[in-house]
Amino acid sequence: MTTWPTVRVIAGAFILLSLALGVPGSPVFLSTWWLAFTAFVGLNLLQSGLTRWCLMETLLRKLGLRPGE
């Protein structure tokens, strides 16, 4: 697996987890403040789409994953 699919999987997992923890109707609800983490991940995805730079991709490359799509 290369960095971009891994970034997408991690971002999707973070979003689903933070929604599960932040939506009051969820069985694992903790606090609505988890929705701020959802917004943070979304803003980072937006920023990486506009600037073509992603911190998570940089970290994954340092961990040894191949760059690419």
PDB file of N, CA and C in Angstrom:
ATOM      1  N   MET A   1       0.852  -1.174   0.000  1.00  0.00           N
ATOM      2  CA  MET A   1       0.000   0.000   0.000  1.00  0.00           C
ATOM      3  C   MET A   1       0.900   1.240   0.000  1.00  0.00           C
ATOM      4  N   THR A   2       0.479   2.253  -0.738  1.00  0.00           N
ATOM      5  CA  THR A   2       1.262   3.485  -0.800  1.00  0.00           C
ATOM      6  C   THR A   2       0.656   4.527   0.146  1.00  0.00           C
ATOM      7  N   THR A   3       1.276   5.702   0.178  1.00  0.00           N
ATOM      8  CA  THR A   3       0.886   6.702   1.174  1.00  0.00           C
ATOM      9  C   THR A   3      -0.517   7.257   0.972  1.00  0.00           C
ATOM     10  N   TRP A   4      -0.903   7.567  -0.273  1.00  0.00           N
ATOM     11  CA  TRP A   4      -2.214   8.216  -0.448  1.00  0.00           C
ATOM     12  C   TRP A   4      -3.389   7.346  -0.048  1.00  0.00           C
ATOM     13  N   PRO A   5      -3.447   6.071  -0.461  1.00  0.00           N
ATOM     14  CA  PRO A   5      -4.555   5.249   0.036  1.00  0.00           C
ATOM     15  C   PRO A   5      -4.541   5.112   1.561  1.00  0.00           C
ATOM     16  N   THR A   6      -3.346   5.055   2.141  1.00  0.00           N
ATOM     17  CA  THR A   6      -3.238   4.938   3.598  1.00  0.00           C
ATOM     18  C   THR A   6      -3.746   6.203   4.276  1.00  0.00           C
ATOM     19  N   VAL A   7      -3.420   7.368   3.723  1.00  0.00           N
ATOM     20  CA  VAL A   7      -3.925   8.633   4.268  1.00  0.00           C
ATOM     21  C   VAL A   7      -5.447   8.649   4.228  1.00  0.00           C
ATOM     22  N   ARG A   8      -6.021   8.211   3.139  1.00  0.00           N
ATOM     23  CA  ARG A   8      -7.490   8.189   3.008  1.00  0.00           C
ATOM     24  C   ARG A   8      -8.132   7.246   4.020  1.00  0.00           C
ATOM     25  N   VAL A   9      -7.518   6.078   4.217  1.00  0.00           N
ATOM     26  CA  VAL A   9      -8.049   5.111   5.194  1.00  0.00           C
ATOM     27  C   VAL A   9      -7.978   5.691   6.604  1.00  0.00           C
ATOM     28  N   ILE A  10      -6.849   6.284   6.951  1.00  0.00           N
ATOM     29  CA  ILE A  10      -6.681   6.864   8.286  1.00  0.00           C
ATOM     30  C   ILE A  10      -7.653   8.019   8.498  1.00  0.00           C
ATOM     31  N   ALA A  11      -7.775   8.915   7.503  1.00  0.00           N
ATOM     32  CA  ALA A  11      -8.700  10.050   7.629  1.00  0.00           C
ATOM     33  C   ALA A  11     -10.138   9.556   7.774  1.00  0.00           C
ATOM     34  N   GLY A  12     -10.526   8.581   6.971  1.00  0.00           N
ATOM     35  CA  GLY A  12     -11.879   8.031   7.075  1.00  0.00           C
ATOM     36  C   GLY A  12     -12.136   7.398   8.428  1.00  0.00           C
ATOM     37  N   ALA A  13     -11.165   6.659   8.938  1.00  0.00           N
ATOM     38  CA  ALA A  13     -11.317   6.029  10.255  1.00  0.00           C
ATOM     39  C   ALA A  13     -11.418   7.082  11.353  1.00  0.00           C
ATOM     40  N   PHE A  14     -10.571   8.146  11.278  1.00  0.00           N
ATOM     41  CA  PHE A  14     -10.642   9.221  12.268  1.00  0.00           C
ATOM     42  C   PHE A  14     -12.005   9.908  12.239  1.00  0.00           C
ATOM     43  N   ILE A  15     -12.529  10.165  11.057  1.00  0.00           N
ATOM     44  CA  ILE A  15     -13.822  10.834  10.941  1.00  0.00           C
ATOM     45  C   ILE A  15     -14.932   9.966  11.515  1.00  0.00           C
ATOM     46  N   LEU A  16     -14.960   8.687  11.135  1.00  0.00           N
ATOM     47  CA  LEU A  16     -16.007   7.804  11.655  1.00  0.00           C
ATOM     48  C   LEU A  16     -15.916   7.633  13.169  1.00  0.00           C
ATOM     49  N   LEU A  17     -14.696   7.495  13.680  1.00  0.00           N
ATOM     50  CA  LEU A  17     -14.511   7.354  15.126  1.00  0.00           C
ATOM     51  C   LEU A  17     -14.958   8.611  15.870  1.00  0.00           C
ATOM     52  N   SER A  18     -14.553   9.784  15.366  1.00  0.00           N
ATOM     53  CA  SER A  18     -14.918  11.014  16.065  1.00  0.00           C
ATOM     54  C   SER A  18     -16.421  11.287  15.968  1.00  0.00           C
ATOM     55  N   LEU A  19     -17.052  10.894  14.868  1.00  0.00           N
ATOM     56  CA  LEU A  19     -18.509  11.025  14.792  1.00  0.00           C
ATOM     57  C   LEU A  19     -19.193  10.082  15.774  1.00  0.00           C
ATOM     58  N   ALA A  20     -18.682   8.859  15.870  1.00  0.00           N
ATOM     59  CA  ALA A  20     -19.264   7.902  16.827  1.00  0.00           C
ATOM     60  C   ALA A  20     -19.147   8.412  18.254  1.00  0.00           C
ATOM     61  N   LEU A  21     -18.047   9.071  18.570  1.00  0.00           N
ATOM     62  CA  LEU A  21     -17.838   9.578  19.925  1.00  0.00           C
ATOM     63  C   LEU A  21     -18.511  10.920  20.173  1.00  0.00           C
ATOM     64  N   GLY A  22     -18.877  11.646  19.091  1.00  0.00           N
ATOM     65  CA  GLY A  22     -19.392  12.994  19.270  1.00  0.00           C
ATOM     66  C   GLY A  22     -20.868  13.211  19.004  1.00  0.00           C
ATOM     67  N   VAL A  23     -21.539  12.257  18.371  1.00  0.00           N
ATOM     68  CA  VAL A  23     -22.965  12.415  18.069  1.00  0.00           C
ATOM     69  C   VAL A  23     -23.779  11.856  19.234  1.00  0.00           C
ATOM     70  N   PRO A  24     -24.661  12.667  19.813  1.00  0.00           N
ATOM     71  CA  PRO A  24     -25.404  12.231  21.010  1.00  0.00           C
ATOM     72  C   PRO A  24     -26.198  10.933  20.849  1.00  0.00           C
ATOM     73  N   GLY A  25     -26.660  10.601  19.674  1.00  0.00           N
ATOM     74  CA  GLY A  25     -27.429   9.376  19.485  1.00  0.00           C
ATOM     75  C   GLY A  25     -26.591   8.123  19.393  1.00  0.00           C
ATOM     76  N   SER A  26     -25.283   8.263  19.376  1.00  0.00           N
ATOM     77  CA  SER A  26     -24.389   7.116  19.228  1.00  0.00           C
ATOM     78  C   SER A  26     -24.311   6.315  20.535  1.00  0.00           C
ATOM     79  N   PRO A  27     -24.215   4.981  20.415  1.00  0.00           N
ATOM     80  CA  PRO A  27     -24.089   4.172  21.635  1.00  0.00           C
ATOM     81  C   PRO A  27     -22.753   4.360  22.360  1.00  0.00           C
ATOM     82  N   VAL A  28     -21.755   4.927  21.696  1.00  0.00           N
ATOM     83  CA  VAL A  28     -20.456   5.149  22.336  1.00  0.00           C
ATOM     84  C   VAL A  28     -20.183   6.636  22.551  1.00  0.00           C
ATOM     85  N   PHE A  29     -21.228   7.421  22.603  1.00  0.00           N
ATOM     86  CA  PHE A  29     -21.119   8.881  22.770  1.00  0.00           C
ATOM     87  C   PHE A  29     -20.348   9.232  24.043  1.00  0.00           C
ATOM     88  N   LEU A  30     -19.391  10.165  23.886  1.00  0.00           N
ATOM     89  CA  LEU A  30     -18.666  10.679  25.041  1.00  0.00           C
ATOM     90  C   LEU A  30     -18.920  12.171  25.241  1.00  0.00           C
ATOM     91  N   SER A  31     -18.694  12.955  24.174  1.00  0.00           N
ATOM     92  CA  SER A  31     -18.844  14.396  24.268  1.00  0.00           C
ATOM     93  C   SER A  31     -18.990  14.973  22.868  1.00  0.00           C
ATOM     94  N   THR A  32     -19.757  16.047  22.758  1.00  0.00           N
ATOM     95  CA  THR A  32     -19.893  16.699  21.448  1.00  0.00           C
ATOM     96  C   THR A  32     -18.591  17.374  21.021  1.00  0.00           C
ATOM     97  N   TRP A  33     -17.650  17.523  21.935  1.00  0.00           N
ATOM     98  CA  TRP A  33     -16.354  18.102  21.587  1.00  0.00           C
ATOM     99  C   TRP A  33     -15.584  17.226  20.605  1.00  0.00           C
ATOM    100  N   TRP A  34     -15.922  15.949  20.493  1.00  0.00           N
ATOM    101  CA  TRP A  34     -15.282  15.094  19.499  1.00  0.00           C
ATOM    102  C   TRP A  34     -15.578  15.570  18.084  1.00  0.00           C
ATOM    103  N   LEU A  35     -16.654  16.312  17.900  1.00  0.00           N
ATOM    104  CA  LEU A  35     -16.970  16.834  16.569  1.00  0.00           C
ATOM    105  C   LEU A  35     -15.938  17.865  16.121  1.00  0.00           C
ATOM    106  N   ALA A  36     -15.246  18.499  17.066  1.00  0.00           N
ATOM    107  CA  ALA A  36     -14.162  19.409  16.709  1.00  0.00           C
ATOM    108  C   ALA A  36     -13.029  18.631  16.040  1.00  0.00           C
ATOM    109  N   PHE A  37     -12.793  17.400  16.463  1.00  0.00           N
ATOM    110  CA  PHE A  37     -11.773  16.570  15.814  1.00  0.00           C
ATOM    111  C   PHE A  37     -12.199  16.224  14.387  1.00  0.00           C
ATOM    112  N   THR A  38     -13.494  15.989  14.177  1.00  0.00           N
ATOM    113  CA  THR A  38     -14.009  15.748  12.834  1.00  0.00           C
ATOM    114  C   THR A  38     -13.718  16.950  11.945  1.00  0.00           C
ATOM    115  N   ALA A  39     -13.975  18.147  12.462  1.00  0.00           N
ATOM    116  CA  ALA A  39     -13.704  19.369  11.701  1.00  0.00           C
ATOM    117  C   ALA A  39     -12.208  19.521  11.434  1.00  0.00           C
ATOM    118  N   PHE A  40     -11.367  19.184  12.384  1.00  0.00           N
ATOM    119  CA  PHE A  40      -9.919  19.267  12.219  1.00  0.00           C
ATOM    120  C   PHE A  40      -9.442  18.364  11.082  1.00  0.00           C
ATOM    121  N   VAL A  41      -9.939  17.134  11.052  1.00  0.00           N
ATOM    122  CA  VAL A  41      -9.557  16.208   9.985  1.00  0.00           C
ATOM    123  C   VAL A  41     -10.050  16.730   8.640  1.00  0.00           C
ATOM    124  N   GLY A  42     -11.281  17.233   8.600  1.00  0.00           N
ATOM    125  CA  GLY A  42     -11.816  17.788   7.356  1.00  0.00           C
ATOM    126  C   GLY A  42     -11.017  18.975   6.863  1.00  0.00           C
ATOM    127  N   LEU A  43     -10.622  19.859   7.766  1.00  0.00           N
ATOM    128  CA  LEU A  43      -9.807  21.013   7.376  1.00  0.00           C
ATOM    129  C   LEU A  43      -8.439  20.586   6.859  1.00  0.00           C
ATOM    130  N   ASN A  44      -7.867  19.564   7.472  1.00  0.00           N
ATOM    131  CA  ASN A  44      -6.581  19.064   6.982  1.00  0.00           C
ATOM    132  C   ASN A  44      -6.716  18.437   5.600  1.00  0.00           C
ATOM    133  N   LEU A  45      -7.807  17.741   5.341  1.00  0.00           N
ATOM    134  CA  LEU A  45      -8.035  17.192   4.003  1.00  0.00           C
ATOM    135  C   LEU A  45      -8.196  18.306   2.981  1.00  0.00           C
ATOM    136  N   LEU A  46      -8.923  19.353   3.343  1.00  0.00           N
ATOM    137  CA  LEU A  46      -9.091  20.504   2.464  1.00  0.00           C
ATOM    138  C   LEU A  46      -7.749  21.173   2.186  1.00  0.00           C
ATOM    139  N   GLN A  47      -6.979  21.405   3.230  1.00  0.00           N
ATOM    140  CA  GLN A  47      -5.669  22.039   3.091  1.00  0.00           C
ATOM    141  C   GLN A  47      -4.748  21.207   2.210  1.00  0.00           C
ATOM    142  N   SER A  48      -4.735  19.898   2.393  1.00  0.00           N
ATOM    143  CA  SER A  48      -3.845  19.062   1.591  1.00  0.00           C
ATOM    144  C   SER A  48      -4.280  19.015   0.133  1.00  0.00           C
ATOM    145  N   GLY A  49      -5.572  19.128  -0.106  1.00  0.00           N
ATOM    146  CA  GLY A  49      -6.052  19.175  -1.481  1.00  0.00           C
ATOM    147  C   GLY A  49      -5.666  20.458  -2.188  1.00  0.00           C
ATOM    148  N   LEU A  50      -5.610  21.547  -1.439  1.00  0.00           N
ATOM    149  CA  LEU A  50      -5.270  22.840  -2.039  1.00  0.00           C
ATOM    150  C   LEU A  50      -3.774  23.054  -2.173  1.00  0.00           C
ATOM    151  N   THR A  51      -2.991  22.562  -1.221  1.00  0.00           N
ATOM    152  CA  THR A  51      -1.552  22.835  -1.210  1.00  0.00           C
ATOM    153  C   THR A  51      -0.710  21.667  -1.713  1.00  0.00           C
ATOM    154  N   ARG A  52      -1.327  20.484  -1.874  1.00  0.00           N
ATOM    155  CA  ARG A  52      -0.614  19.276  -2.292  1.00  0.00           C
ATOM    156  C   ARG A  52       0.429  18.845  -1.254  1.00  0.00           C
ATOM    157  N   TRP A  53       0.267  19.229   0.025  1.00  0.00           N
ATOM    158  CA  TRP A  53       1.135  18.799   1.108  1.00  0.00           C
ATOM    159  C   TRP A  53       0.280  18.249   2.236  1.00  0.00           C
ATOM    160  N   CYS A  54       0.687  17.118   2.785  1.00  0.00           N
ATOM    161  CA  CYS A  54      -0.070  16.473   3.850  1.00  0.00           C
ATOM    162  C   CYS A  54       0.899  15.961   4.917  1.00  0.00           C
ATOM    163  N   LEU A  55       0.704  16.394   6.143  1.00  0.00           N
ATOM    164  CA  LEU A  55       1.570  15.975   7.242  1.00  0.00           C
ATOM    165  C   LEU A  55       1.509  14.459   7.439  1.00  0.00           C
ATOM    166  N   MET A  56       0.322  13.876   7.348  1.00  0.00           N
ATOM    167  CA  MET A  56       0.192  12.432   7.534  1.00  0.00           C
ATOM    168  C   MET A  56       0.992  11.679   6.476  1.00  0.00           C
ATOM    169  N   GLU A  57       0.977  12.170   5.240  1.00  0.00           N
ATOM    170  CA  GLU A  57       1.755  11.525   4.189  1.00  0.00           C
ATOM    171  C   GLU A  57       3.252  11.613   4.493  1.00  0.00           C
ATOM    172  N   THR A  58       3.703  12.747   4.982  1.00  0.00           N
ATOM    173  CA  THR A  58       5.108  12.913   5.357  1.00  0.00           C
ATOM    174  C   THR A  58       5.490  11.922   6.456  1.00  0.00           C
ATOM    175  N   LEU A  59       4.638  11.777   7.453  1.00  0.00           N
ATOM    176  CA  LEU A  59       4.903  10.831   8.544  1.00  0.00           C
ATOM    177  C   LEU A  59       4.931   9.394   8.037  1.00  0.00           C
ATOM    178  N   LEU A  60       4.010   9.053   7.146  1.00  0.00           N
ATOM    179  CA  LEU A  60       3.968   7.693   6.615  1.00  0.00           C
ATOM    180  C   LEU A  60       5.201   7.386   5.773  1.00  0.00           C
ATOM    181  N   ARG A  61       5.693   8.374   5.031  1.00  0.00           N
ATOM    182  CA  ARG A  61       6.928   8.175   4.261  1.00  0.00           C
ATOM    183  C   ARG A  61       8.105   7.912   5.195  1.00  0.00           C
ATOM    184  N   LYS A  62       8.160   8.641   6.310  1.00  0.00           N
ATOM    185  CA  LYS A  62       9.242   8.430   7.277  1.00  0.00           C
ATOM    186  C   LYS A  62       9.148   7.054   7.930  1.00  0.00           C
ATOM    187  N   LEU A  63       7.935   6.499   7.980  1.00  0.00           N
ATOM    188  CA  LEU A  63       7.749   5.163   8.521  1.00  0.00           C
ATOM    189  C   LEU A  63       8.046   4.064   7.488  1.00  0.00           C
ATOM    190  N   GLY A  64       8.329   4.481   6.251  1.00  0.00           N
ATOM    191  CA  GLY A  64       8.756   3.517   5.249  1.00  0.00           C
ATOM    192  C   GLY A  64       7.758   3.176   4.170  1.00  0.00           C
ATOM    193  N   LEU A  65       6.584   3.785   4.154  1.00  0.00           N
ATOM    194  CA  LEU A  65       5.635   3.500   3.079  1.00  0.00           C
ATOM    195  C   LEU A  65       6.093   4.170   1.788  1.00  0.00           C
ATOM    196  N   ARG A  66       5.774   3.515   0.685  1.00  0.00           N
ATOM    197  CA  ARG A  66       6.130   4.062  -0.615  1.00  0.00           C
ATOM    198  C   ARG A  66       5.249   5.245  -0.935  1.00  0.00           C
ATOM    199  N   PRO A  67       5.812   6.318  -1.500  1.00  0.00           N
ATOM    200  CA  PRO A  67       4.986   7.452  -1.918  1.00  0.00           C
ATOM    201  C   PRO A  67       4.195   7.089  -3.176  1.00  0.00           C
ATOM    202  N   GLY A  68       3.091   7.781  -3.374  1.00  0.00           N
ATOM    203  CA  GLY A  68       2.326   7.575  -4.595  1.00  0.00           C
ATOM    204  C   GLY A  68       0.859   7.375  -4.335  1.00  0.00           C
ATOM    205  N   GLU A  69       0.137   7.208  -5.443  1.00  0.00           N
ATOM    206  CA  GLU A  69      -1.318   7.035  -5.374  1.00  0.00           C
ATOM    207  C   GLU A  69      -1.721   5.621  -5.560  1.00  0.00           C
TER     208      GLU A  69
END
